[in-house]
C-alpha atoms as a PDB file:
ATOM      1  CA  MET A   1      13.509  21.449   0.315  1.00  0.00           C
ATOM      2  CA  PRO A   2      13.351  24.616  -1.811  1.00  0.00           C
ATOM      3  CA  CYS A   3      12.978  24.531  -5.570  1.00  0.00           C
ATOM      4  CA  SER A   4      16.071  24.972  -7.743  1.00  0.00           C
ATOM      5  CA  LEU A   5      16.802  25.091 -11.440  1.00  0.00           C
ATOM      6  CA  THR A   6      18.112  21.539 -11.608  1.00  0.00           C
ATOM      7  CA  ARG A   7      16.392  18.271 -10.821  1.00  0.00           C
ATOM      8  CA  MET A   8      17.415  14.848  -9.601  1.00  0.00           C
ATOM      9  CA  ARG A   9      16.045  11.326  -9.556  1.00  0.00           C
ATOM     10  CA  ALA A  10      14.878  10.053  -6.199  1.00  0.00           C
ATOM     11  CA  VAL A  11      12.853   7.253  -4.649  1.00  0.00           C
ATOM     12  CA  VAL A  12       9.603   8.771  -3.400  1.00  0.00           C
ATOM     13  CA  ILE A  13       6.945   7.319  -1.107  1.00  0.00           C
ATOM     14  CA  PRO A  14       3.706   8.893  -2.411  1.00  0.00           C
ATOM     15  CA  GLN A  15       1.583   6.706  -0.135  1.00  0.00           C
ATOM     16  CA  TYR A  16       2.235   3.973   2.411  1.00  0.00           C
ATOM     17  CA  GLY A  17       1.956   0.295   1.585  1.00  0.00           C
ATOM     18  CA  ASP A  18       3.816  -2.582  -0.065  1.00  0.00           C
ATOM     19  CA  ALA A  19       6.951  -2.245  -2.180  1.00  0.00           C
ATOM     20  CA  ASP A  20       4.968  -1.415  -5.295  1.00  0.00           C
ATOM     21  CA  VAL A  21       4.024   2.022  -3.907  1.00  0.00           C
ATOM     22  CA  LEU A  22       7.600   3.227  -4.401  1.00  0.00           C
ATOM     23  CA  GLU A  23       8.236   5.571  -7.305  1.00  0.00           C
ATOM     24  CA  VAL A  24      11.419   6.848  -8.916  1.00  0.00           C
ATOM     25  CA  LYS A  25      10.756  10.356 -10.158  1.00  0.00           C
ATOM     26  CA  GLU A  26      12.464  13.653 -10.889  1.00  0.00           C
ATOM     27  CA  ILE A  27      12.193  16.283  -8.159  1.00  0.00           C
ATOM     28  CA  PRO A  28      14.000  19.562  -7.419  1.00  0.00           C
ATOM     29  CA  ASP A  29      17.557  19.323  -6.133  1.00  0.00           C
ATOM     30  CA  PRO A  30      18.070  19.954  -2.415  1.00  0.00           C
ATOM     31  CA  GLU A  31      20.073  23.056  -1.570  1.00  0.00           C
ATOM     32  CA  PRO A  32      22.703  23.171   1.194  1.00  0.00           C
ATOM     33  CA  GLY A  33      22.491  25.698   4.012  1.00  0.00           C
ATOM     34  CA  PRO A  34      25.521  27.673   5.233  1.00  0.00           C
ATOM     35  CA  ASP A  35      26.985  24.794   7.310  1.00  0.00           C
ATOM     36  CA  GLN A  36      25.896  22.012   4.952  1.00  0.00           C
ATOM     37  CA  VAL A  37      27.271  20.263   1.895  1.00  0.00           C
ATOM     38  CA  LEU A  38      25.533  18.744  -1.102  1.00  0.00           C
ATOM     39  CA  VAL A  39      26.709  15.228  -1.932  1.00  0.00           C
ATOM     40  CA  GLU A  40      26.331  13.696  -5.378  1.00  0.00           C
ATOM     41  CA  VAL A  41      25.371  10.181  -4.335  1.00  0.00           C
ATOM     42  CA  VAL A  42      27.085   7.173  -5.899  1.00  0.00           C
ATOM     43  CA  ALA A  43      25.400   4.516  -3.752  1.00  0.00           C
ATOM     44  CA  SER A  44      22.960   4.160  -0.892  1.00  0.00           C
ATOM     45  CA  ALA A  45      22.095   1.115   1.206  1.00  0.00           C
ATOM     46  CA  MET A  46      18.957  -0.575   2.477  1.00  0.00           C
ATOM     47  CA  ASN A  47      17.988  -0.676   6.146  1.00  0.00           C
ATOM     48  CA  ARG A  48      14.995  -2.149   7.968  1.00  0.00           C
ATOM     49  CA  ALA A  49      13.930   1.422   8.662  1.00  0.00           C
ATOM     50  CA  ASP A  50      13.254   1.843   4.934  1.00  0.00           C
ATOM     51  CA  LEU A  51      10.719  -0.987   5.011  1.00  0.00           C
ATOM     52  CA  LEU A  52       9.026   0.459   8.088  1.00  0.00           C
ATOM     53  CA  GLN A  53       8.956   3.968   6.626  1.00  0.00           C
ATOM     54  CA  ARG A  54       7.406   2.684   3.404  1.00  0.00           C
ATOM     55  CA  ALA A  55       4.695   0.994   5.475  1.00  0.00           C
ATOM     56  CA  GLY A  56       3.998   4.219   7.391  1.00  0.00           C
ATOM     57  CA  GLN A  57       5.399   2.897  10.666  1.00  0.00           C
ATOM     58  CA  TYR A  58       8.659   4.864  10.981  1.00  0.00           C
ATOM     59  CA  PRO A  59       8.484   8.393   9.563  1.00  0.00           C
ATOM     60  CA  ALA A  60      11.546  10.587   9.367  1.00  0.00           C
ATOM     61  CA  PRO A  61      11.807  13.085  12.258  1.00  0.00           C
ATOM     62  CA  GLY A  62      10.531  16.595  11.702  1.00  0.00           C
ATOM     63  CA  PRO A  63       7.736  17.986   9.531  1.00  0.00           C
ATOM     64  CA  LYS A  64       6.530  15.818   6.657  1.00  0.00           C
ATOM     65  CA  PRO A  65       8.378  16.961   3.511  1.00  0.00           C
ATOM     66  CA  LEU A  66       6.819  17.617   0.125  1.00  0.00           C
ATOM     67  CA  TYR A  67       8.616  14.526  -1.188  1.00  0.00           C
ATOM     68  CA  GLU A  68       9.204  11.696   1.281  1.00  0.00           C
ATOM     69  CA  ILE A  69      12.499  10.067   0.304  1.00  0.00           C
ATOM     70  CA  PRO A  70      13.799   7.041   2.243  1.00  0.00           C
ATOM     71  CA  GLY A  71      17.454   6.165   2.748  1.00  0.00           C
ATOM     72  CA  LEU A  72      19.651   6.542   5.828  1.00  0.00           C
ATOM     73  CA  GLU A  73      23.172   6.257   4.399  1.00  0.00           C
ATOM     74  CA  TYR A  74      25.146   7.041   1.289  1.00  0.00           C
ATOM     75  CA  SER A  75      28.544   7.407  -0.332  1.00  0.00           C
ATOM     76  CA  GLY A  76      29.495   9.896  -3.015  1.00  0.00           C
ATOM     77  CA  ARG A  77      31.415  13.050  -3.841  1.00  0.00           C
ATOM     78  CA  ILE A  78      30.819  16.582  -2.648  1.00  0.00           C
ATOM     79  CA  GLY A  79      29.119  18.635  -5.350  1.00  0.00           C
ATOM     80  CA  SER A  80      28.860  21.975  -3.537  1.00  0.00           C
ATOM     81  CA  VAL A  81      29.405  23.459  -0.080  1.00  0.00           C
ATOM     82  CA  GLY A  82      27.641  26.075   2.029  1.00  0.00           C
ATOM     83  CA  SER A  83      29.155  29.464   2.693  1.00  0.00           C
ATOM     84  CA  GLU A  84      30.432  28.539   6.187  1.00  0.00           C
ATOM     85  CA  VAL A  85      31.878  25.106   5.363  1.00  0.00           C
ATOM     86  CA  GLU A  86      35.636  24.896   5.952  1.00  0.00           C
ATOM     87  CA  ARG A  87      36.362  21.204   6.448  1.00  0.00           C
ATOM     88  CA  TRP A  88      35.481  19.904   2.979  1.00  0.00           C
ATOM     89  CA  SER A  89      35.978  20.724  -0.685  1.00  0.00           C
ATOM     90  CA  VAL A  90      34.119  19.982  -3.893  1.00  0.00           C
ATOM     91  CA  GLY A  91      35.131  16.555  -5.171  1.00  0.00           C
ATOM     92  CA  ASP A  92      35.956  14.983  -1.782  1.00  0.00           C
ATOM     93  CA  ALA A  93      34.921  11.331  -1.478  1.00  0.00           C
ATOM     94  CA  VAL A  94      32.608  11.023   1.523  1.00  0.00           C
ATOM     95  CA  MET A  95      30.047   8.810   3.227  1.00  0.00           C
ATOM     96  CA  GLY A  96      27.653   9.250   6.115  1.00  0.00           C
ATOM     97  CA  ILE A  97      24.209   8.877   7.650  1.00  0.00           C
ATOM     98  CA  VAL A  98      21.144  11.083   7.323  1.00  0.00           C
ATOM     99  CA  ALA A  99      17.657  10.964   8.835  1.00  0.00           C
ATOM    100  CA  GLY A 100      16.262  10.311   5.344  1.00  0.00           C
ATOM    101  CA  GLY A 101      16.715  11.273   1.717  1.00  0.00           C
ATOM    102  CA  ALA A 102      19.706   9.129   0.730  1.00  0.00           C
ATOM    103  CA  MET A 103      17.832   7.168  -1.964  1.00  0.00           C
ATOM    104  CA  ALA A 104      18.433   9.992  -4.411  1.00  0.00           C
ATOM    105  CA  GLU A 105      21.044  11.368  -6.760  1.00  0.00           C
ATOM    106  CA  LYS A 106      21.827  14.184  -4.316  1.00  0.00           C
ATOM    107  CA  VAL A 107      21.548  14.692  -0.567  1.00  0.00           C
ATOM    108  CA  VAL A 108      22.441  17.522   1.820  1.00  0.00           C
ATOM    109  CA  THR A 109      23.957  17.058   5.259  1.00  0.00           C
ATOM    110  CA  HIS A 110      25.759  18.961   8.018  1.00  0.00           C
ATOM    111  CA  GLU A 111      29.492  19.173   7.356  1.00  0.00           C
ATOM    112  CA  ARG A 112      30.332  17.487  10.669  1.00  0.00           C
ATOM    113  CA  MET A 113      28.170  14.483   9.779  1.00  0.00           C
ATOM    114  CA  LEU A 114      30.425  13.599   6.859  1.00  0.00           C
ATOM    115  CA  GLN A 115      33.024  10.849   6.989  1.00  0.00           C
ATOM    116  CA  PRO A 116      35.961  10.481   4.601  1.00  0.00           C
ATOM    117  CA  VAL A 117      35.842   7.282   2.568  1.00  0.00           C
ATOM    118  CA  PRO A 118      38.660   5.048   3.885  1.00  0.00           C
ATOM    119  CA  LYS A 119      41.592   4.252   1.657  1.00  0.00           C
ATOM    120  CA  HIS A 120      41.310   0.933  -0.175  1.00  0.00           C
ATOM    121  CA  ILE A 121      37.481   1.004   0.027  1.00  0.00           C
ATOM    122  CA  GLN A 122      35.703   1.474  -3.288  1.00  0.00           C
ATOM    123  CA  LEU A 123      33.446   4.535  -3.268  1.00  0.00           C
ATOM    124  CA  ALA A 124      30.450   2.461  -4.419  1.00  0.00           C
ATOM    125  CA  ASP A 125      31.008  -0.001  -1.530  1.00  0.00           C
ATOM    126  CA  ALA A 126      31.448   2.654   1.157  1.00  0.00           C
ATOM    127  CA  ALA A 127      27.665   3.100   1.476  1.00  0.00           C
ATOM    128  CA  ALA A 128      27.652  -0.267   3.275  1.00  0.00           C
ATOM    129  CA  ILE A 129      29.611   1.212   6.197  1.00  0.00           C
ATOM    130  CA  PRO A 130      28.033   4.203   7.996  1.00  0.00           C
ATOM    131  CA  GLU A 131      24.668   3.136   9.411  1.00  0.00           C
ATOM    132  CA  VAL A 132      25.487  -0.387  10.572  1.00  0.00           C
ATOM    133  CA  PHE A 133      28.996   0.247  11.862  1.00  0.00           C
ATOM    134  CA  MET A 134      27.919   3.405  13.683  1.00  0.00           C
ATOM    135  CA  THR A 135      24.909   1.605  15.171  1.00  0.00           C
ATOM    136  CA  ALA A 136      26.968  -1.401  16.263  1.00  0.00           C
ATOM    137  CA  HIS A 137      29.788   0.708  17.689  1.00  0.00           C
ATOM    138  CA  ASP A 138      27.439   3.046  19.534  1.00  0.00           C
ATOM    139  CA  ALA A 139      25.450   0.123  20.976  1.00  0.00           C
ATOM    140  CA  LEU A 140      28.271  -2.265  21.875  1.00  0.00           C
ATOM    141  CA  VAL A 141      31.079   0.088  22.858  1.00  0.00           C
ATOM    142  CA  THR A 142      29.639   3.502  23.750  1.00  0.00           C
ATOM    143  CA  GLN A 143      26.444   2.381  25.510  1.00  0.00           C
ATOM    144  CA  GLY A 144      27.225  -1.273  26.140  1.00  0.00           C
ATOM    145  CA  ASP A 145      30.745  -0.582  27.454  1.00  0.00           C
ATOM    146  CA  LEU A 146      32.152  -3.674  25.756  1.00  0.00           C
ATOM    147  CA  THR A 147      35.927  -3.812  26.176  1.00  0.00           C
ATOM    148  CA  SER A 148      38.812  -6.190  25.557  1.00  0.00           C
ATOM    149  CA  GLY A 149      38.170  -9.511  27.277  1.00  0.00           C
ATOM    150  CA  GLY A 150      34.426  -8.923  27.496  1.00  0.00           C
ATOM    151  CA  ARG A 151      31.693 -11.024  25.938  1.00  0.00           C
ATOM    152  CA  ALA A 152      28.732  -9.980  23.810  1.00  0.00           C
ATOM    153  CA  LEU A 153      25.652 -11.677  22.421  1.00  0.00           C
ATOM    154  CA  VAL A 154      24.322 -10.192  19.181  1.00  0.00           C
ATOM    155  CA  HIS A 155      21.104 -11.348  17.551  1.00  0.00           C
ATOM    156  CA  ALA A 156      20.651 -11.473  13.757  1.00  0.00           C
ATOM    157  CA  GLY A 157      24.358 -12.085  13.285  1.00  0.00           C
ATOM    158  CA  GLY A 158      24.057 -12.188   9.493  1.00  0.00           C
ATOM    159  CA  SER A 159      22.396  -8.775   9.245  1.00  0.00           C
ATOM    160  CA  GLY A 160      24.221  -5.555   8.492  1.00  0.00           C
ATOM    161  CA  VAL A 161      24.433  -4.646  12.173  1.00  0.00           C
ATOM    162  CA  GLY A 162      25.325  -8.230  13.030  1.00  0.00           C
ATOM    163  CA  THR A 163      28.227  -8.539  10.579  1.00  0.00           C
ATOM    164  CA  ALA A 164      29.525  -5.129  11.725  1.00  0.00           C
ATOM    165  CA  SER A 165      29.224  -6.184  15.386  1.00  0.00           C
ATOM    166  CA  ILE A 166      31.292  -9.308  14.846  1.00  0.00           C
ATOM    167  CA  GLN A 167      34.119  -7.312  13.305  1.00  0.00           C
ATOM    168  CA  ILE A 168      34.030  -4.568  15.943  1.00  0.00           C
ATOM    169  CA  ALA A 169      34.059  -7.057  18.824  1.00  0.00           C
ATOM    170  CA  LYS A 170      37.066  -8.877  17.405  1.00  0.00           C
ATOM    171  CA  ALA A 171      38.855  -5.602  16.655  1.00  0.00           C
ATOM    172  CA  ILE A 172      38.669  -4.507  20.308  1.00  0.00           C
ATOM    173  CA  GLY A 173      39.653  -7.926  21.668  1.00  0.00           C
ATOM    174  CA  ALA A 174      36.222  -9.042  22.879  1.00  0.00           C
ATOM    175  CA  GLN A 175      34.458 -12.357  22.312  1.00  0.00           C
ATOM    176  CA  ILE A 176      31.119 -12.488  20.528  1.00  0.00           C
ATOM    177  CA  ALA A 177      28.262 -14.958  20.187  1.00  0.00           C
ATOM    178  CA  VAL A 178      25.645 -14.494  17.476  1.00  0.00           C
ATOM    179  CA  THR A 179      22.317 -16.045  16.656  1.00  0.00           C
ATOM    180  CA  CYS A 180      21.446 -16.674  13.021  1.00  0.00           C
ATOM    181  CA  SER A 181      19.707 -19.081  10.661  1.00  0.00           C
ATOM    182  CA  THR A 182      21.504 -22.127   9.280  1.00  0.00           C
ATOM    183  CA  ASN A 183      22.512 -20.574   5.948  1.00  0.00           C
ATOM    184  CA  LYS A 184      24.154 -17.596   7.644  1.00  0.00           C
ATOM    185  CA  ALA A 185      26.335 -19.566  10.051  1.00  0.00           C
ATOM    186  CA  ALA A 186      29.320 -19.938   7.698  1.00  0.00           C
ATOM    187  CA  PRO A 187      29.624 -16.214   6.863  1.00  0.00           C
ATOM    188  CA  CYS A 188      29.415 -15.338  10.563  1.00  0.00           C
ATOM    189  CA  ARG A 189      32.132 -17.855  11.332  1.00  0.00           C
ATOM    190  CA  GLU A 190      34.346 -16.453   8.589  1.00  0.00           C
ATOM    191  CA  LEU A 191      33.997 -12.961  10.073  1.00  0.00           C
ATOM    192  CA  GLY A 192      35.243 -14.277  13.405  1.00  0.00           C
ATOM    193  CA  ALA A 193      32.228 -15.054  15.604  1.00  0.00           C
ATOM    194  CA  ASP A 194      33.339 -17.132  18.602  1.00  0.00           C
ATOM    195  CA  LEU A 195      29.983 -18.864  19.103  1.00  0.00           C
ATOM    196  CA  ILE A 196      27.261 -19.308  16.513  1.00  0.00           C
ATOM    197  CA  VAL A 197      23.799 -20.335  17.649  1.00  0.00           C
ATOM    198  CA  ASP A 198      21.485 -21.620  14.921  1.00  0.00           C
ATOM    199  CA  TYR A 199      18.141 -20.413  16.256  1.00  0.00           C
ATOM    200  CA  THR A 200      16.279 -22.914  14.074  1.00  0.00           C
ATOM    201  CA  GLU A 201      17.811 -25.805  16.028  1.00  0.00           C
ATOM    202  CA  GLN A 202      19.347 -24.483  19.251  1.00  0.00           C
ATOM    203  CA  ASP A 203      18.265 -22.573  22.357  1.00  0.00           C
ATOM    204  CA  PHE A 204      20.530 -19.550  22.692  1.00  0.00           C
ATOM    205  CA  VAL A 205      19.989 -19.356  26.457  1.00  0.00           C
ATOM    206  CA  GLU A 206      21.368 -22.869  26.878  1.00  0.00           C
ATOM    207  CA  GLU A 207      24.269 -22.229  24.505  1.00  0.00           C
ATOM    208  CA  ILE A 208      25.261 -19.000  26.267  1.00  0.00           C
ATOM    209  CA  GLU A 209      25.089 -20.795  29.619  1.00  0.00           C
ATOM    210  CA  LEU A 210      27.582 -23.388  28.370  1.00  0.00           C
ATOM    211  CA  TRP A 211      29.798 -20.868  26.567  1.00  0.00           C
ATOM    212  CA  THR A 212      30.180 -18.597  29.594  1.00  0.00           C
ATOM    213  CA  GLN A 213      30.202 -21.427  32.157  1.00  0.00           C
ATOM    214  CA  GLY A 214      27.166 -19.882  33.796  1.00  0.00           C
ATOM    215  CA  GLN A 215      28.649 -16.388  34.103  1.00  0.00           C
ATOM    216  CA  GLY A 216      26.638 -14.712  31.335  1.00  0.00           C
ATOM    217  CA  VAL A 217      27.625 -12.035  28.826  1.00  0.00           C
ATOM    218  CA  ASP A 218      28.492  -8.398  29.457  1.00  0.00           C
ATOM    219  CA  VAL A 219      26.211  -6.973  26.774  1.00  0.00           C
ATOM    220  CA  VAL A 220      23.378  -8.120  24.514  1.00  0.00           C
ATOM    221  CA  LEU A 221      22.678  -6.217  21.296  1.00  0.00           C
ATOM    222  CA  ASP A 222      19.146  -7.073  20.223  1.00  0.00           C
ATOM    223  CA  VAL A 223      17.224  -6.085  17.098  1.00  0.00           C
ATOM    224  CA  ILE A 224      14.446  -8.633  17.704  1.00  0.00           C
ATOM    225  CA  GLY A 225      12.628  -7.723  20.911  1.00  0.00           C
ATOM    226  CA  GLY A 226       9.367  -9.536  21.684  1.00  0.00           C
ATOM    227  CA  ASP A 227       9.877 -12.783  23.546  1.00  0.00           C
ATOM    228  CA  TYR A 228      13.676 -12.464  23.217  1.00  0.00           C
ATOM    229  CA  LEU A 229      13.741  -9.949  26.094  1.00  0.00           C
ATOM    230  CA  PRO A 230      13.261 -12.365  29.030  1.00  0.00           C
ATOM    231  CA  LYS A 231      15.720 -14.758  27.389  1.00  0.00           C
ATOM    232  CA  ASN A 232      18.262 -11.971  26.994  1.00  0.00           C
ATOM    233  CA  LEU A 233      17.983 -11.287  30.721  1.00  0.00           C
ATOM    234  CA  GLN A 234      18.825 -14.930  31.418  1.00  0.00           C
ATOM    235  CA  CYS A 235      21.971 -14.554  29.311  1.00  0.00           C
ATOM    236  CA  LEU A 236      23.281 -11.481  31.159  1.00  0.00           C
ATOM    237  CA  LYS A 237      25.957 -11.477  33.803  1.00  0.00           C
ATOM    238  CA  VAL A 238      25.563  -9.365  36.926  1.00  0.00           C
ATOM    239  CA  GLN A 239      25.522  -5.659  35.954  1.00  0.00           C
ATOM    240  CA  GLY A 240      25.201  -6.594  32.301  1.00  0.00           C
ATOM    241  CA  ARG A 241      23.481  -4.423  29.707  1.00  0.00           C
ATOM    242  CA  ILE A 242      20.848  -5.090  27.036  1.00  0.00           C
ATOM    243  CA  ILE A 243      20.963  -2.586  24.191  1.00  0.00           C
ATOM    244  CA  GLN A 244      17.679  -2.681  22.270  1.00  0.00           C
ATOM    245  CA  VAL A 245      18.078  -1.255  18.762  1.00  0.00           C
ATOM    246  CA  GLY A 246      15.074  -2.804  17.031  1.00  0.00           C
ATOM    247  CA  ALA A 247      11.860  -4.773  17.449  1.00  0.00           C
ATOM    248  CA  MET A 248      11.637  -7.096  14.458  1.00  0.00           C
ATOM    249  CA  GLY A 249      10.003  -9.735  16.653  1.00  0.00           C
ATOM    250  CA  GLY A 250       7.233  -7.446  17.862  1.00  0.00           C
ATOM    251  CA  PRO A 251       6.865  -4.097  19.637  1.00  0.00           C
ATOM    252  CA  VAL A 252       5.496  -5.539  22.872  1.00  0.00           C
ATOM    253  CA  ALA A 253       7.577  -7.476  25.385  1.00  0.00           C
ATOM    254  CA  SER A 254       7.102  -8.563  28.979  1.00  0.00           C
ATOM    255  CA  PHE A 255       9.485  -9.888  31.589  1.00  0.00           C
ATOM    256  CA  THR A 256       9.626 -10.540  35.303  1.00  0.00           C
ATOM    257  CA  LEU A 257      11.190  -7.685  37.242  1.00  0.00           C
ATOM    258  CA  GLY A 258      12.552 -10.296  39.608  1.00  0.00           C
ATOM    259  CA  ALA A 259      14.912 -11.393  36.836  1.00  0.00           C
ATOM    260  CA  LEU A 260      16.230  -7.854  36.319  1.00  0.00           C
ATOM    261  CA  LEU A 261      16.776  -6.659  39.872  1.00  0.00           C
ATOM    262  CA  PRO A 262      19.195  -9.281  41.297  1.00  0.00           C
ATOM    263  CA  LYS A 263      21.469  -8.857  38.292  1.00  0.00           C
ATOM    264  CA  ARG A 264      21.417  -5.057  38.656  1.00  0.00           C
ATOM    265  CA  ALA A 265      21.030  -5.118  34.885  1.00  0.00           C
ATOM    266  CA  SER A 266      20.428  -2.227  32.500  1.00  0.00           C
ATOM    267  CA  LEU A 267      17.919  -2.233  29.638  1.00  0.00           C
ATOM    268  CA  ILE A 268      18.712   0.582  27.198  1.00  0.00           C
ATOM    269  CA  GLY A 269      16.626   1.495  24.172  1.00  0.00           C
ATOM    270  CA  THR A 270      18.391   3.426  21.438  1.00  0.00           C
ATOM    271  CA  VAL A 271      18.103   4.790  17.892  1.00  0.00           C
ATOM    272  CA  LEU A 272      20.392   7.084  15.924  1.00  0.00           C
ATOM    273  CA  ARG A 273      17.854   8.574  13.557  1.00  0.00           C
ATOM    274  CA  SER A 274      15.850  10.759  15.933  1.00  0.00           C
ATOM    275  CA  ARG A 275      18.697  12.053  18.092  1.00  0.00           C
ATOM    276  CA  PRO A 276      19.386  15.793  18.209  1.00  0.00           C
ATOM    277  CA  ILE A 277      21.982  16.896  15.688  1.00  0.00           C
ATOM    278  CA  GLU A 278      24.543  17.593  18.435  1.00  0.00           C
ATOM    279  CA  GLN A 279      24.341  14.001  19.647  1.00  0.00           C
ATOM    280  CA  LYS A 280      24.574  12.669  16.110  1.00  0.00           C
ATOM    281  CA  ILE A 281      27.672  14.767  15.481  1.00  0.00           C
ATOM    282  CA  GLU A 282      29.221  13.466  18.696  1.00  0.00           C
ATOM    283  CA  ALA A 283      28.583   9.842  17.659  1.00  0.00           C
ATOM    284  CA  ASN A 284      29.873  10.571  14.167  1.00  0.00           C
ATOM    285  CA  GLN A 285      33.111  12.140  15.394  1.00  0.00           C
ATOM    286  CA  ARG A 286      33.649   9.248  17.824  1.00  0.00           C
ATOM    287  CA  PHE A 287      33.195   6.815  14.930  1.00  0.00           C
ATOM    288  CA  ILE A 288      35.734   8.732  12.811  1.00  0.00           C
ATOM    289  CA  ALA A 289      38.308   8.722  15.607  1.00  0.00           C
ATOM    290  CA  GLN A 290      37.878   5.151  16.806  1.00  0.00           C
ATOM    291  CA  LEU A 291      36.743   3.083  13.817  1.00  0.00           C
ATOM    292  CA  LEU A 292      37.871   4.702  10.578  1.00  0.00           C
ATOM    293  CA  PRO A 293      41.530   3.775  11.199  1.00  0.00           C
ATOM    294  CA  ARG A 294      40.391   0.141  11.417  1.00  0.00           C
ATOM    295  CA  PHE A 295      39.084   0.360   7.860  1.00  0.00           C
ATOM    296  CA  GLU A 296      42.322   1.980   6.753  1.00  0.00           C
ATOM    297  CA  ASP A 297      44.401  -0.946   8.044  1.00  0.00           C
ATOM    298  CA  GLY A 298      41.973  -3.616   6.833  1.00  0.00           C
ATOM    299  CA  THR A 299      40.758  -4.782  10.259  1.00  0.00           C
ATOM    300  CA  LEU A 300      37.204  -3.795   9.350  1.00  0.00           C
ATOM    301  CA  LYS A 301      35.497  -4.126   5.981  1.00  0.00           C
ATOM    302  CA  PRO A 302      32.040  -3.541   4.521  1.00  0.00           C
ATOM    303  CA  VAL A 303      30.030  -6.695   3.908  1.00  0.00           C
ATOM    304  CA  VAL A 304      28.037  -6.402   0.681  1.00  0.00           C
ATOM    305  CA  ASP A 305      25.360  -8.985  -0.035  1.00  0.00           C
ATOM    306  CA  SER A 306      23.931  -7.668  -3.313  1.00  0.00           C
ATOM    307  CA  ARG A 307      23.377  -4.577  -5.453  1.00  0.00           C
ATOM    308  CA  TYR A 308      20.336  -3.093  -7.175  1.00  0.00           C
ATOM    309  CA  GLN A 309      19.862  -0.168  -9.514  1.00  0.00           C
ATOM    310  CA  LEU A 310      17.775   2.762  -8.304  1.00  0.00           C
ATOM    311  CA  ALA A 311      15.041   1.847 -10.785  1.00  0.00           C
ATOM    312  CA  ASP A 312      14.798  -1.585  -9.141  1.00  0.00           C
ATOM    313  CA  ILE A 313      14.169  -0.256  -5.635  1.00  0.00           C
ATOM    314  CA  ALA A 314      10.918  -2.228  -5.241  1.00  0.00           C
ATOM    315  CA  ALA A 315      12.801  -5.463  -5.939  1.00  0.00           C
ATOM    316  CA  ALA A 316      15.413  -4.497  -3.335  1.00  0.00           C
ATOM    317  CA  HIS A 317      12.657  -3.965  -0.760  1.00  0.00           C
ATOM    318  CA  ALA A 318      11.102  -7.313  -1.633  1.00  0.00           C
ATOM    319  CA  TYR A 319      14.466  -9.051  -1.286  1.00  0.00           C
ATOM    320  CA  MET A 320      15.169  -7.512   2.125  1.00  0.00           C
ATOM    321  CA  GLU A 321      11.774  -8.694   3.315  1.00  0.00           C
ATOM    322  CA  THR A 322      12.861 -12.301   2.649  1.00  0.00           C
ATOM    323  CA  ASN A 323      15.582 -11.867   5.301  1.00  0.00           C
ATOM    324  CA  ALA A 324      17.982 -13.781   3.038  1.00  0.00           C
ATOM    325  CA  ASN A 325      20.763 -11.209   2.886  1.00  0.00           C
ATOM    326  CA  VAL A 326      24.084 -11.466   4.711  1.00  0.00           C
ATOM    327  CA  GLY A 327      25.398  -7.957   5.171  1.00  0.00           C
ATOM    328  CA  LYS A 328      24.213  -4.969   3.181  1.00  0.00           C
ATOM    329  CA  ILE A 329      21.977  -4.538   0.156  1.00  0.00           C
ATOM    330  CA  LEU A 330      23.358  -1.627  -1.872  1.00  0.00           C
ATOM    331  CA  ILE A 331      21.491   0.654  -4.242  1.00  0.00           C
ATOM    332  CA  ASP A 332      23.637   2.002  -7.077  1.00  0.00           C
ATOM    333  CA  ILE A 333      22.514   5.531  -7.867  1.00  0.00           C
END
């Protein structure tokens, strides 16, 4: 990130630890390369990756920068473009994902990683879209092969990825079951979940057995891991797929291979952040083609739980750690 004449405010992680290590300070503006654009950020959004990065458990890919700035998604307006950029102009309203750096007044990104903000979506709300809807779409549809008439089980149904998954499943004509805590059941139901399993009172394996009449689901999207893995296998139909996108329940899991083999099941681990840029662009362009029209016609919508100012970033981290949010926590820049 080369020095420039102007400076911006950004959240910086000077050392790893609890939320109180975060600092908001002025640092040099980033500068776009020939095929990049500089976005003047209006809003960013919290993700579990931000908490892990702050704790030193999930660094951004590549060499450690001079200033470590968290943040995987943003919305804003283009402030300047590189010399080879042809698709975008200064002033365009855009949103997108980055490998880090979005918790700042400005961010640079490849021009093909930008997404136009859908009509009827407020620019400050658009930051709630890119990371979770891209993750859910990539996991359920691209890798999980969920199609109309299929059935999915998604854990943490009230999370950002969970609320996006519910909407995507319904939009493509699939059925979806979610697990969640008691206070998140009503919002999940309002979004269209076909089966809601309150994990504080119910066994999701038993509920899926009843719901599918013993057939199992086509795909499981899991952000929990740990002891959920063998239970997920029980919920799968023959040739079903488990898409593992997180490990909130613990990084270590064990299961009996005898449960995997007869079902000819697939266990797929995935992240967006560390993929090569070509693969990210491919996922981004697929999202633009297949999902953006659904925002335009109102089928899909961002789910915003709460908003914080940039100066209150430590409070936003503390709130996310309570796991109380339904949908996205936005940071107004």
